[in-house]
All heavy atoms as atom14 arrays in JSON, in Angstrom:
{
  "sequence": "RQPLTTGRSAQITRTFNPADIQALHAVSGAPLS",
  "atom14_mask": [
    [1, 1, 1, 1, 1, 1, 1, 1, 1, 1, 1, 0, 0, 0],
    [1, 1, 1, 1, 1, 1, 1, 1, 1, 0, 0, 0, 0, 0],
    [1, 1, 1, 1, 1, 1, 1, 0, 0, 0, 0, 0, 0, 0],
    [1, 1, 1, 1, 1, 1, 1, 1, 0, 0, 0, 0, 0, 0],
    [1, 1, 1, 1, 1, 1, 1, 0, 0, 0, 0, 0, 0, 0],
    [1, 1, 1, 1, 1, 1, 1, 0, 0, 0, 0, 0, 0, 0],
    [1, 1, 1, 1, 0, 0, 0, 0, 0, 0, 0, 0, 0, 0],
    [1, 1, 1, 1, 1, 1, 1, 1, 1, 1, 1, 0, 0, 0],
    [1, 1, 1, 1, 1, 1, 0, 0, 0, 0, 0, 0, 0, 0],
    [1, 1, 1, 1, 1, 0, 0, 0, 0, 0, 0, 0, 0, 0],
    [1, 1, 1, 1, 1, 1, 1, 1, 1, 0, 0, 0, 0, 0],
    [1, 1, 1, 1, 1, 1, 1, 1, 0, 0, 0, 0, 0, 0],
    [1, 1, 1, 1, 1, 1, 1, 0, 0, 0, 0, 0, 0, 0],
    [1, 1, 1, 1, 1, 1, 1, 1, 1, 1, 1, 0, 0, 0],
    [1, 1, 1, 1, 1, 1, 1, 0, 0, 0, 0, 0, 0, 0],
    [1, 1, 1, 1, 1, 1, 1, 1, 1, 1, 1, 0, 0, 0],
    [1, 1, 1, 1, 1, 1, 1, 1, 0, 0, 0, 0, 0, 0],
    [1, 1, 1, 1, 1, 1, 1, 0, 0, 0, 0, 0, 0, 0],
    [1, 1, 1, 1, 1, 0, 0, 0, 0, 0, 0, 0, 0, 0],
    [1, 1, 1, 1, 1, 1, 1, 1, 0, 0, 0, 0, 0, 0],
    [1, 1, 1, 1, 1, 1, 1, 1, 0, 0, 0, 0, 0, 0],
    [1, 1, 1, 1, 1, 1, 1, 1, 1, 0, 0, 0, 0, 0],
    [1, 1, 1, 1, 1, 0, 0, 0, 0, 0, 0, 0, 0, 0],
    [1, 1, 1, 1, 1, 1, 1, 1, 0, 0, 0, 0, 0, 0],
    [1, 1, 1, 1, 1, 1, 1, 1, 1, 1, 0, 0, 0, 0],
    [1, 1, 1, 1, 1, 0, 0, 0, 0, 0, 0, 0, 0, 0],
    [1, 1, 1, 1, 1, 1, 1, 0, 0, 0, 0, 0, 0, 0],
    [1, 1, 1, 1, 1, 1, 0, 0, 0, 0, 0, 0, 0, 0],
    [1, 1, 1, 1, 0, 0, 0, 0, 0, 0, 0, 0, 0, 0],
    [1, 1, 1, 1, 1, 0, 0, 0, 0, 0, 0, 0, 0, 0],
    [1, 1, 1, 1, 1, 1, 1, 0, 0, 0, 0, 0, 0, 0],
    [1, 1, 1, 1, 1, 1, 1, 1, 0, 0, 0, 0, 0, 0],
    [1, 1, 1, 1, 1, 1, 0, 0, 0, 0, 0, 0, 0, 0]
  ],
  "atom14_positions": [
    [[88.87, 91.22, 77.3], [88.74, 90.03, 76.45], [87.36, 89.39, 76.51], [87.11, 88.41, 75.83], [89.8, 89.02, 76.86], [91.19, 89.58, 76.6], [92.25, 88.54, 76.72], [93.51, 89.15, 76.36], [94.57, 89.17, 77.12], [94.55, 88.57, 78.28], [95.67, 89.76, 76.74], [0.0, 0.0, 0.0], [0.0, 0.0, 0.0], [0.0, 0.0, 0.0]],
    [[86.48, 89.92, 77.32], [85.15, 89.36, 77.44], [84.23, 90.01, 76.41], [84.35, 91.19, 76.13], [84.61, 89.6, 78.84], [85.43, 88.98, 79.93], [84.95, 89.41, 81.31], [83.86, 89.92, 81.46], [85.78, 89.22, 82.31], [0.0, 0.0, 0.0], [0.0, 0.0, 0.0], [0.0, 0.0, 0.0], [0.0, 0.0, 0.0], [0.0, 0.0, 0.0]],
    [[83.27, 89.23, 75.86], [82.33, 89.84, 74.92], [81.42, 90.83, 75.63], [81.17, 90.72, 76.83], [81.53, 88.65, 74.38], [81.8, 87.53, 75.29], [83.07, 87.81, 76.02], [0.0, 0.0, 0.0], [0.0, 0.0, 0.0], [0.0, 0.0, 0.0], [0.0, 0.0, 0.0], [0.0, 0.0, 0.0], [0.0, 0.0, 0.0], [0.0, 0.0, 0.0]],
    [[80.95, 91.8, 74.88], [80.03, 92.79, 75.44], [78.65, 92.18, 75.59], [78.14, 91.55, 74.67], [79.96, 94.01, 74.51], [81.27, 94.76, 74.29], [81.04, 95.92, 73.34], [81.85, 95.24, 75.6], [0.0, 0.0, 0.0], [0.0, 0.0, 0.0], [0.0, 0.0, 0.0], [0.0, 0.0, 0.0], [0.0, 0.0, 0.0], [0.0, 0.0, 0.0]],
    [[78.08, 92.37, 76.77], [76.72, 91.9, 77.05], [76.01, 92.95, 77.9], [76.64, 93.66, 78.68], [76.73, 90.56, 77.81], [77.48, 90.71, 79.01], [77.31, 89.44, 76.97], [0.0, 0.0, 0.0], [0.0, 0.0, 0.0], [0.0, 0.0, 0.0], [0.0, 0.0, 0.0], [0.0, 0.0, 0.0], [0.0, 0.0, 0.0], [0.0, 0.0, 0.0]],
    [[74.7, 93.03, 77.73], [73.91, 93.95, 78.55], [74.08, 93.57, 80.02], [74.07, 92.4, 80.37], [72.43, 93.87, 78.14], [72.32, 94.19, 76.76], [71.59, 94.84, 78.94], [0.0, 0.0, 0.0], [0.0, 0.0, 0.0], [0.0, 0.0, 0.0], [0.0, 0.0, 0.0], [0.0, 0.0, 0.0], [0.0, 0.0, 0.0], [0.0, 0.0, 0.0]],
    [[74.27, 94.59, 80.85], [74.45, 94.38, 82.28], [75.9, 94.31, 82.73], [76.19, 94.41, 83.92], [0.0, 0.0, 0.0], [0.0, 0.0, 0.0], [0.0, 0.0, 0.0], [0.0, 0.0, 0.0], [0.0, 0.0, 0.0], [0.0, 0.0, 0.0], [0.0, 0.0, 0.0], [0.0, 0.0, 0.0], [0.0, 0.0, 0.0], [0.0, 0.0, 0.0]],
    [[76.81, 94.11, 81.78], [78.22, 94.08, 82.14], [78.66, 95.45, 82.62], [78.21, 96.47, 82.09], [79.05, 93.65, 80.94], [80.26, 92.87, 81.37], [80.97, 92.27, 80.21], [82.25, 92.98, 80.17], [82.99, 93.09, 79.11], [82.61, 92.59, 77.97], [84.13, 93.72, 79.17], [0.0, 0.0, 0.0], [0.0, 0.0, 0.0], [0.0, 0.0, 0.0]],
    [[79.54, 95.51, 83.61], [79.95, 96.78, 84.16], [81.43, 96.79, 84.5], [82.08, 95.74, 84.55], [79.13, 97.11, 85.42], [79.43, 96.18, 86.45], [0.0, 0.0, 0.0], [0.0, 0.0, 0.0], [0.0, 0.0, 0.0], [0.0, 0.0, 0.0], [0.0, 0.0, 0.0], [0.0, 0.0, 0.0], [0.0, 0.0, 0.0], [0.0, 0.0, 0.0]],
    [[81.93, 98.0, 84.74], [83.3, 98.2, 85.2], [83.29, 99.43, 86.1], [82.44, 100.31, 85.95], [84.23, 98.4, 84.02], [0.0, 0.0, 0.0], [0.0, 0.0, 0.0], [0.0, 0.0, 0.0], [0.0, 0.0, 0.0], [0.0, 0.0, 0.0], [0.0, 0.0, 0.0], [0.0, 0.0, 0.0], [0.0, 0.0, 0.0], [0.0, 0.0, 0.0]],
    [[84.21, 99.47, 87.04], [84.28, 100.64, 87.91], [85.72, 100.94, 88.29], [86.6, 100.08, 88.17], [83.42, 100.45, 89.15], [83.89, 99.41, 90.13], [82.94, 99.31, 91.32], [81.72, 99.41, 91.17], [83.49, 99.1, 92.49], [0.0, 0.0, 0.0], [0.0, 0.0, 0.0], [0.0, 0.0, 0.0], [0.0, 0.0, 0.0], [0.0, 0.0, 0.0]],
    [[85.91, 102.16, 88.75], [87.22, 102.63, 89.19], [86.99, 103.56, 90.38], [85.99, 104.27, 90.43], [87.96, 103.36, 88.05], [89.38, 103.74, 88.46], [87.2, 104.58, 87.58], [90.21, 104.3, 87.3], [0.0, 0.0, 0.0], [0.0, 0.0, 0.0], [0.0, 0.0, 0.0], [0.0, 0.0, 0.0], [0.0, 0.0, 0.0], [0.0, 0.0, 0.0]],
    [[87.91, 103.5, 91.33], [87.86, 104.41, 92.47], [89.11, 105.27, 92.46], [90.22, 104.75, 92.27], [87.76, 103.62, 93.8], [86.56, 102.85, 93.77], [87.72, 104.57, 94.99], [0.0, 0.0, 0.0], [0.0, 0.0, 0.0], [0.0, 0.0, 0.0], [0.0, 0.0, 0.0], [0.0, 0.0, 0.0], [0.0, 0.0, 0.0], [0.0, 0.0, 0.0]],
    [[88.92, 106.56, 92.64], [90.03, 107.51, 92.59], [89.79, 108.61, 93.61], [88.67, 109.08, 93.77], [90.13, 108.1, 91.18], [91.02, 109.31, 91.02], [92.44, 108.91, 90.68], [93.34, 110.05, 90.8], [93.79, 110.77, 89.8], [93.42, 110.5, 88.57], [94.62, 111.77, 90.02], [0.0, 0.0, 0.0], [0.0, 0.0, 0.0], [0.0, 0.0, 0.0]],
    [[90.85, 109.03, 94.28], [90.81, 110.17, 95.18], [91.55, 111.32, 94.53], [92.73, 111.17, 94.16], [91.46, 109.81, 96.54], [90.78, 108.7, 97.1], [91.41, 110.99, 97.5], [0.0, 0.0, 0.0], [0.0, 0.0, 0.0], [0.0, 0.0, 0.0], [0.0, 0.0, 0.0], [0.0, 0.0, 0.0], [0.0, 0.0, 0.0], [0.0, 0.0, 0.0]],
    [[90.88, 112.44, 94.35], [91.51, 113.63, 93.77], [92.02, 114.53, 94.88], [91.34, 114.73, 95.9], [90.51, 114.39, 92.88], [90.14, 113.63, 91.64], [88.93, 112.96, 91.57], [90.99, 113.58, 90.55], [88.58, 112.25, 90.43], [90.65, 112.87, 89.41], [89.44, 112.21, 89.34], [0.0, 0.0, 0.0], [0.0, 0.0, 0.0], [0.0, 0.0, 0.0]],
    [[93.21, 115.1, 94.68], [93.8, 115.99, 95.66], [93.99, 117.38, 95.04], [93.76, 117.56, 93.84], [95.11, 115.4, 96.18], [96.13, 115.2, 95.07], [96.35, 116.08, 94.24], [96.76, 114.04, 95.05], [0.0, 0.0, 0.0], [0.0, 0.0, 0.0], [0.0, 0.0, 0.0], [0.0, 0.0, 0.0], [0.0, 0.0, 0.0], [0.0, 0.0, 0.0]],
    [[94.39, 118.36, 95.84], [94.57, 119.71, 95.3], [95.53, 119.79, 94.12], [95.33, 120.61, 93.21], [95.08, 120.51, 96.51], [94.48, 119.8, 97.68], [94.53, 118.33, 97.3], [0.0, 0.0, 0.0], [0.0, 0.0, 0.0], [0.0, 0.0, 0.0], [0.0, 0.0, 0.0], [0.0, 0.0, 0.0], [0.0, 0.0, 0.0], [0.0, 0.0, 0.0]],
    [[96.54, 118.94, 94.08], [97.47, 118.94, 92.94], [96.76, 118.54, 91.65], [97.09, 119.05, 90.57], [98.65, 118.01, 93.22], [0.0, 0.0, 0.0], [0.0, 0.0, 0.0], [0.0, 0.0, 0.0], [0.0, 0.0, 0.0], [0.0, 0.0, 0.0], [0.0, 0.0, 0.0], [0.0, 0.0, 0.0], [0.0, 0.0, 0.0], [0.0, 0.0, 0.0]],
    [[95.79, 117.63, 91.73], [95.02, 117.23, 90.54], [94.21, 118.42, 90.01], [94.13, 118.63, 88.81], [94.07, 116.08, 90.87], [94.79, 114.81, 91.28], [95.82, 114.48, 90.65], [94.31, 114.16, 92.23], [0.0, 0.0, 0.0], [0.0, 0.0, 0.0], [0.0, 0.0, 0.0], [0.0, 0.0, 0.0], [0.0, 0.0, 0.0], [0.0, 0.0, 0.0]],
    [[93.62, 119.18, 90.92], [92.81, 120.33, 90.52], [93.71, 121.38, 89.9], [93.38, 122.0, 88.89], [92.01, 120.89, 91.74], [90.81, 120.0, 92.11], [91.45, 122.26, 91.43], [91.0, 118.66, 92.54], [0.0, 0.0, 0.0], [0.0, 0.0, 0.0], [0.0, 0.0, 0.0], [0.0, 0.0, 0.0], [0.0, 0.0, 0.0], [0.0, 0.0, 0.0]],
    [[94.9, 121.57, 90.47], [95.87, 122.52, 89.93], [96.32, 122.09, 88.53], [96.45, 122.93, 87.63], [97.08, 122.65, 90.86], [98.13, 123.63, 90.38], [97.63, 125.06, 90.32], [96.92, 125.51, 91.21], [97.98, 125.77, 89.27], [0.0, 0.0, 0.0], [0.0, 0.0, 0.0], [0.0, 0.0, 0.0], [0.0, 0.0, 0.0], [0.0, 0.0, 0.0]],
    [[96.56, 120.81, 88.34], [96.97, 120.31, 87.02], [95.88, 120.54, 85.98], [96.18, 120.94, 84.85], [97.33, 118.82, 87.11], [0.0, 0.0, 0.0], [0.0, 0.0, 0.0], [0.0, 0.0, 0.0], [0.0, 0.0, 0.0], [0.0, 0.0, 0.0], [0.0, 0.0, 0.0], [0.0, 0.0, 0.0], [0.0, 0.0, 0.0], [0.0, 0.0, 0.0]],
    [[94.63, 120.3, 86.35], [93.52, 120.57, 85.42], [93.49, 122.05, 85.06], [93.34, 122.4, 83.89], [92.18, 120.14, 86.03], [90.95, 120.47, 85.19], [90.94, 119.67, 83.89], [89.68, 120.22, 85.99], [0.0, 0.0, 0.0], [0.0, 0.0, 0.0], [0.0, 0.0, 0.0], [0.0, 0.0, 0.0], [0.0, 0.0, 0.0], [0.0, 0.0, 0.0]],
    [[93.65, 122.89, 86.05], [93.67, 124.34, 85.81], [94.81, 124.72, 84.87], [94.63, 125.52, 83.95], [93.8, 125.09, 87.14], [93.99, 126.56, 86.98], [92.97, 127.4, 86.59], [95.09, 127.33, 87.12], [93.43, 128.64, 86.51], [94.72, 128.62, 86.82], [0.0, 0.0, 0.0], [0.0, 0.0, 0.0], [0.0, 0.0, 0.0], [0.0, 0.0, 0.0]],
    [[95.98, 124.13, 85.07], [97.15, 124.45, 84.25], [96.95, 124.11, 82.78], [97.38, 124.85, 81.9], [98.38, 123.75, 84.8], [0.0, 0.0, 0.0], [0.0, 0.0, 0.0], [0.0, 0.0, 0.0], [0.0, 0.0, 0.0], [0.0, 0.0, 0.0], [0.0, 0.0, 0.0], [0.0, 0.0, 0.0], [0.0, 0.0, 0.0], [0.0, 0.0, 0.0]],
    [[96.29, 122.99, 82.5], [96.13, 122.57, 81.11], [94.86, 123.09, 80.45], [94.8, 123.19, 79.23], [96.2, 121.03, 80.93], [97.53, 120.5, 81.35], [95.08, 120.33, 81.64], [0.0, 0.0, 0.0], [0.0, 0.0, 0.0], [0.0, 0.0, 0.0], [0.0, 0.0, 0.0], [0.0, 0.0, 0.0], [0.0, 0.0, 0.0], [0.0, 0.0, 0.0]],
    [[93.85, 123.45, 81.25], [92.57, 123.83, 80.65], [92.1, 125.23, 81.01], [91.19, 125.75, 80.37], [91.48, 122.84, 81.06], [91.16, 123.01, 82.44], [0.0, 0.0, 0.0], [0.0, 0.0, 0.0], [0.0, 0.0, 0.0], [0.0, 0.0, 0.0], [0.0, 0.0, 0.0], [0.0, 0.0, 0.0], [0.0, 0.0, 0.0], [0.0, 0.0, 0.0]],
    [[92.67, 125.8, 82.05], [92.17, 127.1, 82.5], [90.91, 126.99, 83.32], [90.3, 128.0, 83.67], [0.0, 0.0, 0.0], [0.0, 0.0, 0.0], [0.0, 0.0, 0.0], [0.0, 0.0, 0.0], [0.0, 0.0, 0.0], [0.0, 0.0, 0.0], [0.0, 0.0, 0.0], [0.0, 0.0, 0.0], [0.0, 0.0, 0.0], [0.0, 0.0, 0.0]],
    [[90.5, 125.77, 83.67], [89.3, 125.57, 84.5], [89.49, 126.3, 85.82], [90.6, 126.38, 86.34], [89.07, 124.09, 84.74], [0.0, 0.0, 0.0], [0.0, 0.0, 0.0], [0.0, 0.0, 0.0], [0.0, 0.0, 0.0], [0.0, 0.0, 0.0], [0.0, 0.0, 0.0], [0.0, 0.0, 0.0], [0.0, 0.0, 0.0], [0.0, 0.0, 0.0]],
    [[88.41, 126.84, 86.37], [88.53, 127.54, 87.65], [89.1, 126.63, 88.75], [88.82, 125.43, 88.78], [87.09, 127.93, 87.98], [86.34, 127.82, 86.71], [87.05, 126.82, 85.87], [0.0, 0.0, 0.0], [0.0, 0.0, 0.0], [0.0, 0.0, 0.0], [0.0, 0.0, 0.0], [0.0, 0.0, 0.0], [0.0, 0.0, 0.0], [0.0, 0.0, 0.0]],
    [[89.9, 127.23, 89.61], [90.42, 126.49, 90.75], [89.34, 126.37, 91.81], [88.62, 127.32, 92.09], [91.64, 127.21, 91.34], [92.91, 127.12, 90.51], [93.98, 128.02, 91.08], [93.4, 125.68, 90.47], [0.0, 0.0, 0.0], [0.0, 0.0, 0.0], [0.0, 0.0, 0.0], [0.0, 0.0, 0.0], [0.0, 0.0, 0.0], [0.0, 0.0, 0.0]],
    [[89.22, 125.19, 92.38], [88.24, 124.96, 93.44], [88.97, 124.52, 94.7], [89.88, 123.71, 94.63], [87.26, 123.87, 93.01], [86.43, 123.52, 94.09], [0.0, 0.0, 0.0], [0.0, 0.0, 0.0], [0.0, 0.0, 0.0], [0.0, 0.0, 0.0], [0.0, 0.0, 0.0], [0.0, 0.0, 0.0], [0.0, 0.0, 0.0], [0.0, 0.0, 0.0]]
  ]
}
């Protein structure tokens, strides 16, 4: 709801686990790491 202004920011923190990598592989065929 805030107007856009130069310098405004947003962030997110996320921890990826092996199941996330497997899910990406399942939907995209991306190599498993």
